[in-house]
Amino acid sequence: MPAFERHVFVCHNQRPADAPRPSCTRDGTSALHARLQQLAREAGLGGRVRINKSGCLDQCEHGPTVVVYPDAVWYGGVQPEDAEEIVTEHLVGGRPVERLRIADGCLNTKSCPHKAVT
């Protein structure tokens, strides 16, 4: 089997309600993951693009997070209704969805406007 053209990781991490950082999933399910899989299949991307659940991607303050490799494009605040745009524009068309991208300056940093000051 040839290597996947793109690998999509959808954060599926769930924390207790009183945790200091938010969760990407609140109930242990991911409608976002299911929707991305469905749309990728419908777009004929099976065997070319892999959609996986992941553990914590450590971008919790940016809301539900998705990362697409090898493009290294990080999306934040992604909702199931955004899945069609990600599949159509990015996975099929090769154009990242800019409105959902996490700014490079916010990735893996302690000082980001989205993170609470501790």
PDB file of N, CA and C in Angstrom:
ATOM      1  N   MET A   1       0.850  -1.182   0.000  1.00  0.00           N
ATOM      2  CA  MET A   1       0.000   0.000   0.000  1.00  0.00           C
ATOM      3  C   MET A   1       0.893   1.243   0.000  1.00  0.00           C
ATOM      4  N   PRO A   2       0.614   2.201  -0.870  1.00  0.00           N
ATOM      5  CA  PRO A   2       1.416   3.428  -0.882  1.00  0.00           C
ATOM      6  C   PRO A   2       1.154   4.270   0.358  1.00  0.00           C
ATOM      7  N   ALA A   3       2.102   5.143   0.648  1.00  0.00           N
ATOM      8  CA  ALA A   3       1.959   6.035   1.796  1.00  0.00           C
ATOM      9  C   ALA A   3       0.798   7.002   1.566  1.00  0.00           C
ATOM     10  N   PHE A   4       0.197   7.450   2.650  1.00  0.00           N
ATOM     11  CA  PHE A   4      -0.872   8.437   2.552  1.00  0.00           C
ATOM     12  C   PHE A   4      -0.297   9.771   2.080  1.00  0.00           C
ATOM     13  N   GLU A   5      -1.061  10.496   1.288  1.00  0.00           N
ATOM     14  CA  GLU A   5      -0.653  11.831   0.857  1.00  0.00           C
ATOM     15  C   GLU A   5      -0.740  12.821   2.011  1.00  0.00           C
ATOM     16  N   ARG A   6      -1.769  12.634   2.832  1.00  0.00           N
ATOM     17  CA  ARG A   6      -1.948  13.490   4.004  1.00  0.00           C
ATOM     18  C   ARG A   6      -2.463  12.643   5.154  1.00  0.00           C
ATOM     19  N   HIS A   7      -2.073  13.055   6.342  1.00  0.00           N
ATOM     20  CA  HIS A   7      -2.516  12.394   7.558  1.00  0.00           C
ATOM     21  C   HIS A   7      -3.129  13.482   8.435  1.00  0.00           C
ATOM     22  N   VAL A   8      -4.376  13.298   8.824  1.00  0.00           N
ATOM     23  CA  VAL A   8      -5.119  14.293   9.601  1.00  0.00           C
ATOM     24  C   VAL A   8      -5.341  13.742  11.003  1.00  0.00           C
ATOM     25  N   PHE A   9      -4.922  14.515  11.997  1.00  0.00           N
ATOM     26  CA  PHE A   9      -5.108  14.130  13.393  1.00  0.00           C
ATOM     27  C   PHE A   9      -6.147  15.062  14.017  1.00  0.00           C
ATOM     28  N   VAL A  10      -7.159  14.466  14.622  1.00  0.00           N
ATOM     29  CA  VAL A  10      -8.248  15.208  15.257  1.00  0.00           C
ATOM     30  C   VAL A  10      -8.151  14.945  16.755  1.00  0.00           C
ATOM     31  N   CYS A  11      -7.907  16.006  17.521  1.00  0.00           N
ATOM     32  CA  CYS A  11      -7.794  15.820  18.969  1.00  0.00           C
ATOM     33  C   CYS A  11      -9.089  15.239  19.519  1.00  0.00           C
ATOM     34  N   HIS A  12      -8.911  14.220  20.337  1.00  0.00           N
ATOM     35  CA  HIS A  12     -10.054  13.508  20.922  1.00  0.00           C
ATOM     36  C   HIS A  12      -9.931  13.501  22.451  1.00  0.00           C
ATOM     37  N   ASN A  13      -9.086  14.383  22.963  1.00  0.00           N
ATOM     38  CA  ASN A  13      -8.811  14.402  24.397  1.00  0.00           C
ATOM     39  C   ASN A  13     -10.027  14.867  25.188  1.00  0.00           C
ATOM     40  N   GLN A  14     -10.227  14.210  26.321  1.00  0.00           N
ATOM     41  CA  GLN A  14     -11.333  14.556  27.202  1.00  0.00           C
ATOM     42  C   GLN A  14     -10.785  14.724  28.613  1.00  0.00           C
ATOM     43  N   ARG A  15     -11.101  15.866  29.227  1.00  0.00           N
ATOM     44  CA  ARG A  15     -10.683  16.155  30.598  1.00  0.00           C
ATOM     45  C   ARG A  15     -11.912  16.309  31.480  1.00  0.00           C
ATOM     46  N   PRO A  16     -11.720  16.200  32.793  1.00  0.00           N
ATOM     47  CA  PRO A  16     -12.837  16.473  33.705  1.00  0.00           C
ATOM     48  C   PRO A  16     -13.301  17.922  33.565  1.00  0.00           C
ATOM     49  N   ALA A  17     -14.544  18.175  33.891  1.00  0.00           N
ATOM     50  CA  ALA A  17     -15.131  19.513  33.761  1.00  0.00           C
ATOM     51  C   ALA A  17     -14.364  20.563  34.553  1.00  0.00           C
ATOM     52  N   ASP A  18     -13.746  20.182  35.673  1.00  0.00           N
ATOM     53  CA  ASP A  18     -13.035  21.153  36.505  1.00  0.00           C
ATOM     54  C   ASP A  18     -11.541  21.238  36.194  1.00  0.00           C
ATOM     55  N   ALA A  19     -11.094  20.656  35.098  1.00  0.00           N
ATOM     56  CA  ALA A  19      -9.673  20.701  34.723  1.00  0.00           C
ATOM     57  C   ALA A  19      -9.270  22.138  34.387  1.00  0.00           C
ATOM     58  N   PRO A  20      -8.014  22.496  34.630  1.00  0.00           N
ATOM     59  CA  PRO A  20      -7.576  23.864  34.354  1.00  0.00           C
ATOM     60  C   PRO A  20      -7.490  24.204  32.864  1.00  0.00           C
ATOM     61  N   ARG A  21      -7.416  23.201  32.011  1.00  0.00           N
ATOM     62  CA  ARG A  21      -7.377  23.431  30.566  1.00  0.00           C
ATOM     63  C   ARG A  21      -8.607  22.789  29.933  1.00  0.00           C
ATOM     64  N   PRO A  22      -9.107  23.382  28.850  1.00  0.00           N
ATOM     65  CA  PRO A  22     -10.301  22.829  28.202  1.00  0.00           C
ATOM     66  C   PRO A  22     -10.024  21.520  27.469  1.00  0.00           C
ATOM     67  N   SER A  23     -11.082  20.821  27.113  1.00  0.00           N
ATOM     68  CA  SER A  23     -11.009  19.577  26.355  1.00  0.00           C
ATOM     69  C   SER A  23     -11.455  19.828  24.927  1.00  0.00           C
ATOM     70  N   CYS A  24     -10.924  19.027  24.012  1.00  0.00           N
ATOM     71  CA  CYS A  24     -11.405  19.095  22.625  1.00  0.00           C
ATOM     72  C   CYS A  24     -12.711  18.335  22.467  1.00  0.00           C
ATOM     73  N   THR A  25     -12.929  17.320  23.313  1.00  0.00           N
ATOM     74  CA  THR A  25     -14.220  16.634  23.328  1.00  0.00           C
ATOM     75  C   THR A  25     -14.730  16.643  24.761  1.00  0.00           C
ATOM     76  N   ARG A  26     -16.002  16.868  24.907  1.00  0.00           N
ATOM     77  CA  ARG A  26     -16.591  16.928  26.246  1.00  0.00           C
ATOM     78  C   ARG A  26     -17.196  15.594  26.677  1.00  0.00           C
ATOM     79  N   ASP A  27     -17.619  14.799  25.711  1.00  0.00           N
ATOM     80  CA  ASP A  27     -18.348  13.580  26.050  1.00  0.00           C
ATOM     81  C   ASP A  27     -17.659  12.304  25.578  1.00  0.00           C
ATOM     82  N   GLY A  28     -16.400  12.416  25.127  1.00  0.00           N
ATOM     83  CA  GLY A  28     -15.665  11.237  24.681  1.00  0.00           C
ATOM     84  C   GLY A  28     -15.997  10.818  23.263  1.00  0.00           C
ATOM     85  N   THR A  29     -16.845  11.583  22.586  1.00  0.00           N
ATOM     86  CA  THR A  29     -17.137  11.299  21.184  1.00  0.00           C
ATOM     87  C   THR A  29     -16.658  12.482  20.352  1.00  0.00           C
ATOM     88  N   SER A  30     -16.529  12.287  19.079  1.00  0.00           N
ATOM     89  CA  SER A  30     -16.077  13.377  18.228  1.00  0.00           C
ATOM     90  C   SER A  30     -16.887  13.406  16.943  1.00  0.00           C
ATOM     91  N   ALA A  31     -17.910  14.240  16.925  1.00  0.00           N
ATOM     92  CA  ALA A  31     -18.698  14.428  15.704  1.00  0.00           C
ATOM     93  C   ALA A  31     -17.808  14.998  14.610  1.00  0.00           C
ATOM     94  N   LEU A  32     -16.809  15.790  14.999  1.00  0.00           N
ATOM     95  CA  LEU A  32     -15.876  16.367  14.036  1.00  0.00           C
ATOM     96  C   LEU A  32     -15.092  15.268  13.321  1.00  0.00           C
ATOM     97  N   HIS A  33     -14.547  14.341  14.076  1.00  0.00           N
ATOM     98  CA  HIS A  33     -13.788  13.233  13.489  1.00  0.00           C
ATOM     99  C   HIS A  33     -14.661  12.425  12.533  1.00  0.00           C
ATOM    100  N   ALA A  34     -15.852  12.085  12.978  1.00  0.00           N
ATOM    101  CA  ALA A  34     -16.767  11.296  12.152  1.00  0.00           C
ATOM    102  C   ALA A  34     -17.127  12.040  10.868  1.00  0.00           C
ATOM    103  N   ARG A  35     -17.360  13.327  10.974  1.00  0.00           N
ATOM    104  CA  ARG A  35     -17.733  14.122   9.796  1.00  0.00           C
ATOM    105  C   ARG A  35     -16.567  14.222   8.814  1.00  0.00           C
ATOM    106  N   LEU A  36     -15.354  14.447   9.310  1.00  0.00           N
ATOM    107  CA  LEU A  36     -14.188  14.495   8.429  1.00  0.00           C
ATOM    108  C   LEU A  36     -14.006  13.166   7.698  1.00  0.00           C
ATOM    109  N   GLN A  37     -14.155  12.062   8.418  1.00  0.00           N
ATOM    110  CA  GLN A  37     -14.034  10.743   7.784  1.00  0.00           C
ATOM    111  C   GLN A  37     -15.081  10.559   6.692  1.00  0.00           C
ATOM    112  N   GLN A  38     -16.309  10.886   7.002  1.00  0.00           N
ATOM    113  CA  GLN A  38     -17.404  10.725   6.040  1.00  0.00           C
ATOM    114  C   GLN A  38     -17.149  11.555   4.785  1.00  0.00           C
ATOM    115  N   LEU A  39     -16.797  12.816   4.961  1.00  0.00           N
ATOM    116  CA  LEU A  39     -16.586  13.705   3.817  1.00  0.00           C
ATOM    117  C   LEU A  39     -15.359  13.307   3.001  1.00  0.00           C
ATOM    118  N   ALA A  40     -14.313  12.830   3.669  1.00  0.00           N
ATOM    119  CA  ALA A  40     -13.121  12.372   2.943  1.00  0.00           C
ATOM    120  C   ALA A  40     -13.461  11.160   2.086  1.00  0.00           C
ATOM    121  N   ARG A  41     -14.239  10.255   2.641  1.00  0.00           N
ATOM    122  CA  ARG A  41     -14.698   9.083   1.875  1.00  0.00           C
ATOM    123  C   ARG A  41     -15.518   9.512   0.669  1.00  0.00           C
ATOM    124  N   GLU A  42     -16.476  10.410   0.908  1.00  0.00           N
ATOM    125  CA  GLU A  42     -17.343  10.884  -0.172  1.00  0.00           C
ATOM    126  C   GLU A  42     -16.562  11.615  -1.258  1.00  0.00           C
ATOM    127  N   ALA A  43     -15.446  12.240  -0.882  1.00  0.00           N
ATOM    128  CA  ALA A  43     -14.607  12.963  -1.843  1.00  0.00           C
ATOM    129  C   ALA A  43     -13.647  12.028  -2.578  1.00  0.00           C
ATOM    130  N   GLY A  44     -13.712  10.725  -2.257  1.00  0.00           N
ATOM    131  CA  GLY A  44     -12.851   9.759  -2.927  1.00  0.00           C
ATOM    132  C   GLY A  44     -11.418   9.762  -2.437  1.00  0.00           C
ATOM    133  N   LEU A  45     -11.211  10.183  -1.199  1.00  0.00           N
ATOM    134  CA  LEU A  45      -9.857  10.285  -0.651  1.00  0.00           C
ATOM    135  C   LEU A  45      -9.397   9.033   0.084  1.00  0.00           C
ATOM    136  N   GLY A  46     -10.243   8.012   0.141  1.00  0.00           N
ATOM    137  CA  GLY A  46      -9.871   6.769   0.812  1.00  0.00           C
ATOM    138  C   GLY A  46      -8.580   6.213   0.239  1.00  0.00           C
ATOM    139  N   GLY A  47      -7.663   5.821   1.104  1.00  0.00           N
ATOM    140  CA  GLY A  47      -6.370   5.299   0.671  1.00  0.00           C
ATOM    141  C   GLY A  47      -5.340   6.379   0.397  1.00  0.00           C
ATOM    142  N   ARG A  48      -5.794   7.630   0.271  1.00  0.00           N
ATOM    143  CA  ARG A  48      -4.873   8.747   0.027  1.00  0.00           C
ATOM    144  C   ARG A  48      -4.731   9.650   1.243  1.00  0.00           C
ATOM    145  N   VAL A  49      -5.822   9.767   2.006  1.00  0.00           N
ATOM    146  CA  VAL A  49      -5.837  10.619   3.197  1.00  0.00           C
ATOM    147  C   VAL A  49      -6.345   9.783   4.355  1.00  0.00           C
ATOM    148  N   ARG A  50      -5.640   9.850   5.468  1.00  0.00           N
ATOM    149  CA  ARG A  50      -6.028   9.107   6.676  1.00  0.00           C
ATOM    150  C   ARG A  50      -6.489  10.103   7.728  1.00  0.00           C
ATOM    151  N   ILE A  51      -7.685   9.893   8.279  1.00  0.00           N
ATOM    152  CA  ILE A  51      -8.231  10.737   9.348  1.00  0.00           C
ATOM    153  C   ILE A  51      -8.178   9.922  10.637  1.00  0.00           C
ATOM    154  N   ASN A  52      -7.403  10.391  11.618  1.00  0.00           N
ATOM    155  CA  ASN A  52      -7.226   9.672  12.878  1.00  0.00           C
ATOM    156  C   ASN A  52      -7.645  10.500  14.076  1.00  0.00           C
ATOM    157  N   LYS A  53      -8.141   9.823  15.107  1.00  0.00           N
ATOM    158  CA  LYS A  53      -8.312  10.449  16.415  1.00  0.00           C
ATOM    159  C   LYS A  53      -6.920  10.508  17.036  1.00  0.00           C
ATOM    160  N   SER A  54      -6.670  11.565  17.781  1.00  0.00           N
ATOM    161  CA  SER A  54      -5.395  11.651  18.486  1.00  0.00           C
ATOM    162  C   SER A  54      -5.648  11.947  19.952  1.00  0.00           C
ATOM    163  N   GLY A  55      -4.617  11.762  20.734  1.00  0.00           N
ATOM    164  CA  GLY A  55      -4.637  12.233  22.108  1.00  0.00           C
ATOM    165  C   GLY A  55      -4.413  13.736  22.089  1.00  0.00           C
ATOM    166  N   CYS A  56      -4.096  14.292  23.217  1.00  0.00           N
ATOM    167  CA  CYS A  56      -3.908  15.737  23.345  1.00  0.00           C
ATOM    168  C   CYS A  56      -2.819  16.233  22.392  1.00  0.00           C
ATOM    169  N   LEU A  57      -3.138  17.280  21.655  1.00  0.00           N
ATOM    170  CA  LEU A  57      -2.176  17.923  20.758  1.00  0.00           C
ATOM    171  C   LEU A  57      -1.562  19.163  21.414  1.00  0.00           C
ATOM    172  N   ASP A  58      -1.917  19.416  22.669  1.00  0.00           N
ATOM    173  CA  ASP A  58      -1.388  20.499  23.499  1.00  0.00           C
ATOM    174  C   ASP A  58      -1.672  21.899  22.942  1.00  0.00           C
ATOM    175  N   GLN A  59      -2.814  22.036  22.305  1.00  0.00           N
ATOM    176  CA  GLN A  59      -3.272  23.339  21.810  1.00  0.00           C
ATOM    177  C   GLN A  59      -4.652  23.638  22.383  1.00  0.00           C
ATOM    178  N   CYS A  60      -4.879  23.201  23.601  1.00  0.00           N
ATOM    179  CA  CYS A  60      -6.202  23.167  24.234  1.00  0.00           C
ATOM    180  C   CYS A  60      -6.938  24.509  24.211  1.00  0.00           C
ATOM    181  N   GLU A  61      -6.229  25.580  24.414  1.00  0.00           N
ATOM    182  CA  GLU A  61      -6.867  26.893  24.480  1.00  0.00           C
ATOM    183  C   GLU A  61      -7.401  27.357  23.129  1.00  0.00           C
ATOM    184  N   HIS A  62      -7.067  26.654  22.090  1.00  0.00           N
ATOM    185  CA  HIS A  62      -7.526  27.013  20.747  1.00  0.00           C
ATOM    186  C   HIS A  62      -8.772  26.242  20.344  1.00  0.00           C
ATOM    187  N   GLY A  63      -9.380  25.550  21.288  1.00  0.00           N
ATOM    188  CA  GLY A  63     -10.605  24.803  20.985  1.00  0.00           C
ATOM    189  C   GLY A  63     -10.289  23.522  20.244  1.00  0.00           C
ATOM    190  N   PRO A  64     -11.293  22.818  19.763  1.00  0.00           N
ATOM    191  CA  PRO A  64     -11.054  21.561  19.069  1.00  0.00           C
ATOM    192  C   PRO A  64     -10.007  21.741  17.970  1.00  0.00           C
ATOM    193  N   THR A  65      -8.970  20.911  18.033  1.00  0.00           N
ATOM    194  CA  THR A  65      -7.793  21.080  17.190  1.00  0.00           C
ATOM    195  C   THR A  65      -7.649  19.945  16.185  1.00  0.00           C
ATOM    196  N   VAL A  66      -7.220  20.328  14.981  1.00  0.00           N
ATOM    197  CA  VAL A  66      -6.947  19.388  13.898  1.00  0.00           C
ATOM    198  C   VAL A  66      -5.594  19.794  13.301  1.00  0.00           C
ATOM    199  N   VAL A  67      -4.755  18.807  13.005  1.00  0.00           N
ATOM    200  CA  VAL A  67      -3.493  19.100  12.318  1.00  0.00           C
ATOM    201  C   VAL A  67      -3.380  18.193  11.098  1.00  0.00           C
ATOM    202  N   VAL A  68      -2.917  18.771   9.999  1.00  0.00           N
ATOM    203  CA  VAL A  68      -2.773  18.052   8.735  1.00  0.00           C
ATOM    204  C   VAL A  68      -1.286  17.955   8.400  1.00  0.00           C
ATOM    205  N   TYR A  69      -0.810  16.714   8.264  1.00  0.00           N
ATOM    206  CA  TYR A  69       0.583  16.465   7.861  1.00  0.00           C
ATOM    207  C   TYR A  69       0.592  15.791   6.503  1.00  0.00           C
ATOM    208  N   PRO A  70       1.605  16.007   5.679  1.00  0.00           N
ATOM    209  CA  PRO A  70       2.889  16.641   5.982  1.00  0.00           C
ATOM    210  C   PRO A  70       2.875  18.163   5.897  1.00  0.00           C
ATOM    211  N   ASP A  71       1.704  18.753   5.679  1.00  0.00           N
ATOM    212  CA  ASP A  71       1.617  20.196   5.502  1.00  0.00           C
ATOM    213  C   ASP A  71       1.911  20.982   6.778  1.00  0.00           C
ATOM    214  N   ALA A  72       1.802  20.332   7.936  1.00  0.00           N
ATOM    215  CA  ALA A  72       1.997  20.983   9.233  1.00  0.00           C
ATOM    216  C   ALA A  72       1.072  22.190   9.386  1.00  0.00           C
ATOM    217  N   VAL A  73      -0.172  22.016   8.975  1.00  0.00           N
ATOM    218  CA  VAL A  73      -1.197  23.057   9.122  1.00  0.00           C
ATOM    219  C   VAL A  73      -2.041  22.695  10.328  1.00  0.00           C
ATOM    220  N   TRP A  74      -2.093  23.629  11.289  1.00  0.00           N
ATOM    221  CA  TRP A  74      -2.836  23.447  12.531  1.00  0.00           C
ATOM    222  C   TRP A  74      -4.095  24.286  12.483  1.00  0.00           C
ATOM    223  N   TYR A  75      -5.220  23.647  12.783  1.00  0.00           N
ATOM    224  CA  TYR A  75      -6.507  24.332  12.823  1.00  0.00           C
ATOM    225  C   TYR A  75      -7.021  24.336  14.256  1.00  0.00           C
ATOM    226  N   GLY A  76      -7.642  25.449  14.660  1.00  0.00           N
ATOM    227  CA  GLY A  76      -8.207  25.546  15.993  1.00  0.00           C
ATOM    228  C   GLY A  76      -9.655  25.987  15.956  1.00  0.00           C
ATOM    229  N   GLY A  77     -10.375  25.651  17.009  1.00  0.00           N
ATOM    230  CA  GLY A  77     -11.786  26.010  17.118  1.00  0.00           C
ATOM    231  C   GLY A  77     -12.636  25.341  16.060  1.00  0.00           C
ATOM    232  N   VAL A  78     -12.197  24.169  15.612  1.00  0.00           N
ATOM    233  CA  VAL A  78     -12.869  23.489  14.506  1.00  0.00           C
ATOM    234  C   VAL A  78     -14.152  22.811  14.991  1.00  0.00           C
ATOM    235  N   GLN A  79     -15.223  23.055  14.268  1.00  0.00           N
ATOM    236  CA  GLN A  79     -16.524  22.477  14.567  1.00  0.00           C
ATOM    237  C   GLN A  79     -16.919  21.526  13.429  1.00  0.00           C
ATOM    238  N   PRO A  80     -17.835  20.607  13.685  1.00  0.00           N
ATOM    239  CA  PRO A  80     -18.249  19.681  12.627  1.00  0.00           C
ATOM    240  C   PRO A  80     -18.684  20.396  11.342  1.00  0.00           C
ATOM    241  N   GLU A  81     -19.294  21.568  11.468  1.00  0.00           N
ATOM    242  CA  GLU A  81     -19.727  22.293  10.276  1.00  0.00           C
ATOM    243  C   GLU A  81     -18.562  22.870   9.467  1.00  0.00           C
ATOM    244  N   ASP A  82     -17.341  22.867  10.026  1.00  0.00           N
ATOM    245  CA  ASP A  82     -16.149  23.311   9.302  1.00  0.00           C
ATOM    246  C   ASP A  82     -15.515  22.186   8.487  1.00  0.00           C
ATOM    247  N   ALA A  83     -15.930  20.960   8.739  1.00  0.00           N
ATOM    248  CA  ALA A  83     -15.295  19.796   8.115  1.00  0.00           C
ATOM    249  C   ALA A  83     -15.367  19.841   6.593  1.00  0.00           C
ATOM    250  N   GLU A  84     -16.505  20.237   6.059  1.00  0.00           N
ATOM    251  CA  GLU A  84     -16.642  20.260   4.597  1.00  0.00           C
ATOM    252  C   GLU A  84     -15.636  21.207   3.954  1.00  0.00           C
ATOM    253  N   GLU A  85     -15.425  22.367   4.559  1.00  0.00           N
ATOM    254  CA  GLU A  85     -14.465  23.337   4.021  1.00  0.00           C
ATOM    255  C   GLU A  85     -13.040  22.795   4.101  1.00  0.00           C
ATOM    256  N   ILE A  86     -12.696  22.124   5.188  1.00  0.00           N
ATOM    257  CA  ILE A  86     -11.352  21.538   5.317  1.00  0.00           C
ATOM    258  C   ILE A  86     -11.138  20.472   4.248  1.00  0.00           C
ATOM    259  N   VAL A  87     -12.124  19.604   4.065  1.00  0.00           N
ATOM    260  CA  VAL A  87     -11.981  18.533   3.070  1.00  0.00           C
ATOM    261  C   VAL A  87     -11.909  19.120   1.666  1.00  0.00           C
ATOM    262  N   THR A  88     -12.856  19.982   1.325  1.00  0.00           N
ATOM    263  CA  THR A  88     -12.917  20.534  -0.033  1.00  0.00           C
ATOM    264  C   THR A  88     -11.719  21.417  -0.357  1.00  0.00           C
ATOM    265  N   GLU A  89     -11.440  22.363   0.511  1.00  0.00           N
ATOM    266  CA  GLU A  89     -10.372  23.328   0.236  1.00  0.00           C
ATOM    267  C   GLU A  89      -8.975  22.754   0.447  1.00  0.00           C
ATOM    268  N   HIS A  90      -8.755  22.108   1.584  1.00  0.00           N
ATOM    269  CA  HIS A  90      -7.402  21.671   1.916  1.00  0.00           C
ATOM    270  C   HIS A  90      -7.090  20.271   1.394  1.00  0.00           C
ATOM    271  N   LEU A  91      -7.889  19.295   1.771  1.00  0.00           N
ATOM    272  CA  LEU A  91      -7.544  17.919   1.425  1.00  0.00           C
ATOM    273  C   LEU A  91      -7.717  17.624  -0.061  1.00  0.00           C
ATOM    274  N   VAL A  92      -8.699  18.235  -0.685  1.00  0.00           N
ATOM    275  CA  VAL A  92      -8.893  18.045  -2.129  1.00  0.00           C
ATOM    276  C   VAL A  92      -8.148  19.127  -2.912  1.00  0.00           C
ATOM    277  N   GLY A  93      -8.345  20.389  -2.525  1.00  0.00           N
ATOM    278  CA  GLY A  93      -7.805  21.506  -3.296  1.00  0.00           C
ATOM    279  C   GLY A  93      -6.390  21.931  -2.964  1.00  0.00           C
ATOM    280  N   GLY A  94      -5.864  21.474  -1.822  1.00  0.00           N
ATOM    281  CA  GLY A  94      -4.491  21.827  -1.454  1.00  0.00           C
ATOM    282  C   GLY A  94      -4.332  23.230  -0.887  1.00  0.00           C
ATOM    283  N   ARG A  95      -5.439  23.893  -0.551  1.00  0.00           N
ATOM    284  CA  ARG A  95      -5.387  25.253  -0.010  1.00  0.00           C
ATOM    285  C   ARG A  95      -5.853  25.244   1.445  1.00  0.00           C
ATOM    286  N   PRO A  96      -4.951  25.497   2.387  1.00  0.00           N
ATOM    287  CA  PRO A  96      -5.371  25.533   3.790  1.00  0.00           C
ATOM    288  C   PRO A  96      -6.488  26.557   4.022  1.00  0.00           C
ATOM    289  N   VAL A  97      -7.326  26.272   4.998  1.00  0.00           N
ATOM    290  CA  VAL A  97      -8.439  27.150   5.361  1.00  0.00           C
ATOM    291  C   VAL A  97      -7.901  28.177   6.363  1.00  0.00           C
ATOM    292  N   GLU A  98      -7.563  29.337   5.847  1.00  0.00           N
ATOM    293  CA  GLU A  98      -6.880  30.355   6.651  1.00  0.00           C
ATOM    294  C   GLU A  98      -7.678  30.805   7.862  1.00  0.00           C
ATOM    295  N   ARG A  99      -8.992  30.900   7.746  1.00  0.00           N
ATOM    296  CA  ARG A  99      -9.794  31.405   8.863  1.00  0.00           C
ATOM    297  C   ARG A  99      -9.741  30.481  10.082  1.00  0.00           C
ATOM    298  N   LEU A 100      -9.361  29.223   9.896  1.00  0.00           N
ATOM    299  CA  LEU A 100      -9.290  28.262  10.998  1.00  0.00           C
ATOM    300  C   LEU A 100      -7.872  28.009  11.490  1.00  0.00           C
ATOM    301  N   ARG A 101      -6.884  28.512  10.790  1.00  0.00           N
ATOM    302  CA  ARG A 101      -5.500  28.227  11.154  1.00  0.00           C
ATOM    303  C   ARG A 101      -5.116  28.846  12.491  1.00  0.00           C
ATOM    304  N   ILE A 102      -4.349  28.094  13.244  1.00  0.00           N
ATOM    305  CA  ILE A 102      -3.747  28.628  14.470  1.00  0.00           C
ATOM    306  C   ILE A 102      -2.482  29.351  14.032  1.00  0.00           C
ATOM    307  N   ALA A 103      -2.328  30.583  14.452  1.00  0.00           N
ATOM    308  CA  ALA A 103      -1.152  31.374  14.078  1.00  0.00           C
ATOM    309  C   ALA A 103       0.121  30.678  14.546  1.00  0.00           C
ATOM    310  N   ASP A 104       1.148  30.716  13.712  1.00  0.00           N
ATOM    311  CA  ASP A 104       2.419  30.084  14.061  1.00  0.00           C
ATOM    312  C   ASP A 104       2.935  30.563  15.417  1.00  0.00           C
ATOM    313  N   GLY A 105       2.725  31.842  15.724  1.00  0.00           N
ATOM    314  CA  GLY A 105       3.192  32.397  16.988  1.00  0.00           C
ATOM    315  C   GLY A 105       2.435  31.875  18.202  1.00  0.00           C
ATOM    316  N   CYS A 106       1.344  31.167  17.979  1.00  0.00           N
ATOM    317  CA  CYS A 106       0.553  30.612  19.085  1.00  0.00           C
ATOM    318  C   CYS A 106       0.820  29.127  19.305  1.00  0.00           C
ATOM    319  N   LEU A 107       1.503  28.484  18.385  1.00  0.00           N
ATOM    320  CA  LEU A 107       1.763  27.051  18.517  1.00  0.00           C
ATOM    321  C   LEU A 107       2.891  26.791  19.504  1.00  0.00           C
ATOM    322  N   ASN A 108       2.642  25.899  20.449  1.00  0.00           N
ATOM    323  CA  ASN A 108       3.671  25.435  21.382  1.00  0.00           C
ATOM    324  C   ASN A 108       4.432  26.562  22.058  1.00  0.00           C
ATOM    325  N   THR A 109       3.704  27.544  22.518  1.00  0.00           N
ATOM    326  CA  THR A 109       4.333  28.662  23.213  1.00  0.00           C
ATOM    327  C   THR A 109       3.615  28.909  24.535  1.00  0.00           C
ATOM    328  N   LYS A 110       4.344  29.425  25.505  1.00  0.00           N
ATOM    329  CA  LYS A 110       3.740  29.728  26.798  1.00  0.00           C
ATOM    330  C   LYS A 110       3.006  31.070  26.765  1.00  0.00           C
ATOM    331  N   SER A 111       3.379  31.943  25.819  1.00  0.00           N
ATOM    332  CA  SER A 111       2.737  33.265  25.755  1.00  0.00           C
ATOM    333  C   SER A 111       1.955  33.401  24.457  1.00  0.00           C
ATOM    334  N   CYS A 112       0.673  33.207  24.583  1.00  0.00           N
ATOM    335  CA  CYS A 112      -0.242  33.331  23.452  1.00  0.00           C
ATOM    336  C   CYS A 112      -1.480  34.063  23.969  1.00  0.00           C
ATOM    337  N   PRO A 113      -2.054  34.951  23.175  1.00  0.00           N
ATOM    338  CA  PRO A 113      -3.225  35.677  23.656  1.00  0.00           C
ATOM    339  C   PRO A 113      -4.401  34.770  24.026  1.00  0.00           C
ATOM    340  N   HIS A 114      -4.384  33.529  23.588  1.00  0.00           N
ATOM    341  CA  HIS A 114      -5.481  32.612  23.878  1.00  0.00           C
ATOM    342  C   HIS A 114      -5.316  31.874  25.202  1.00  0.00           C
ATOM    343  N   LYS A 115      -4.118  31.893  25.741  1.00  0.00           N
ATOM    344  CA  LYS A 115      -3.851  31.166  26.982  1.00  0.00           C
ATOM    345  C   LYS A 115      -4.029  32.082  28.177  1.00  0.00           C
ATOM    346  N   ALA A 116      -4.627  31.541  29.210  1.00  0.00           N
ATOM    347  CA  ALA A 116      -4.815  32.312  30.438  1.00  0.00           C
ATOM    348  C   ALA A 116      -3.468  32.616  31.072  1.00  0.00           C
ATOM    349  N   VAL A 117      -3.355  33.796  31.661  1.00  0.00           N
ATOM    350  CA  VAL A 117      -2.130  34.187  32.355  1.00  0.00           C
ATOM    351  C   VAL A 117      -2.105  33.450  33.682  1.00  0.00           C
ATOM    352  N   THR A 118      -0.986  32.785  33.955  1.00  0.00           N
ATOM    353  CA  THR A 118      -0.877  32.059  35.226  1.00  0.00           C
ATOM    354  C   THR A 118       0.095  32.713  36.150  1.00  0.00           C
TER     355      THR A 118
END
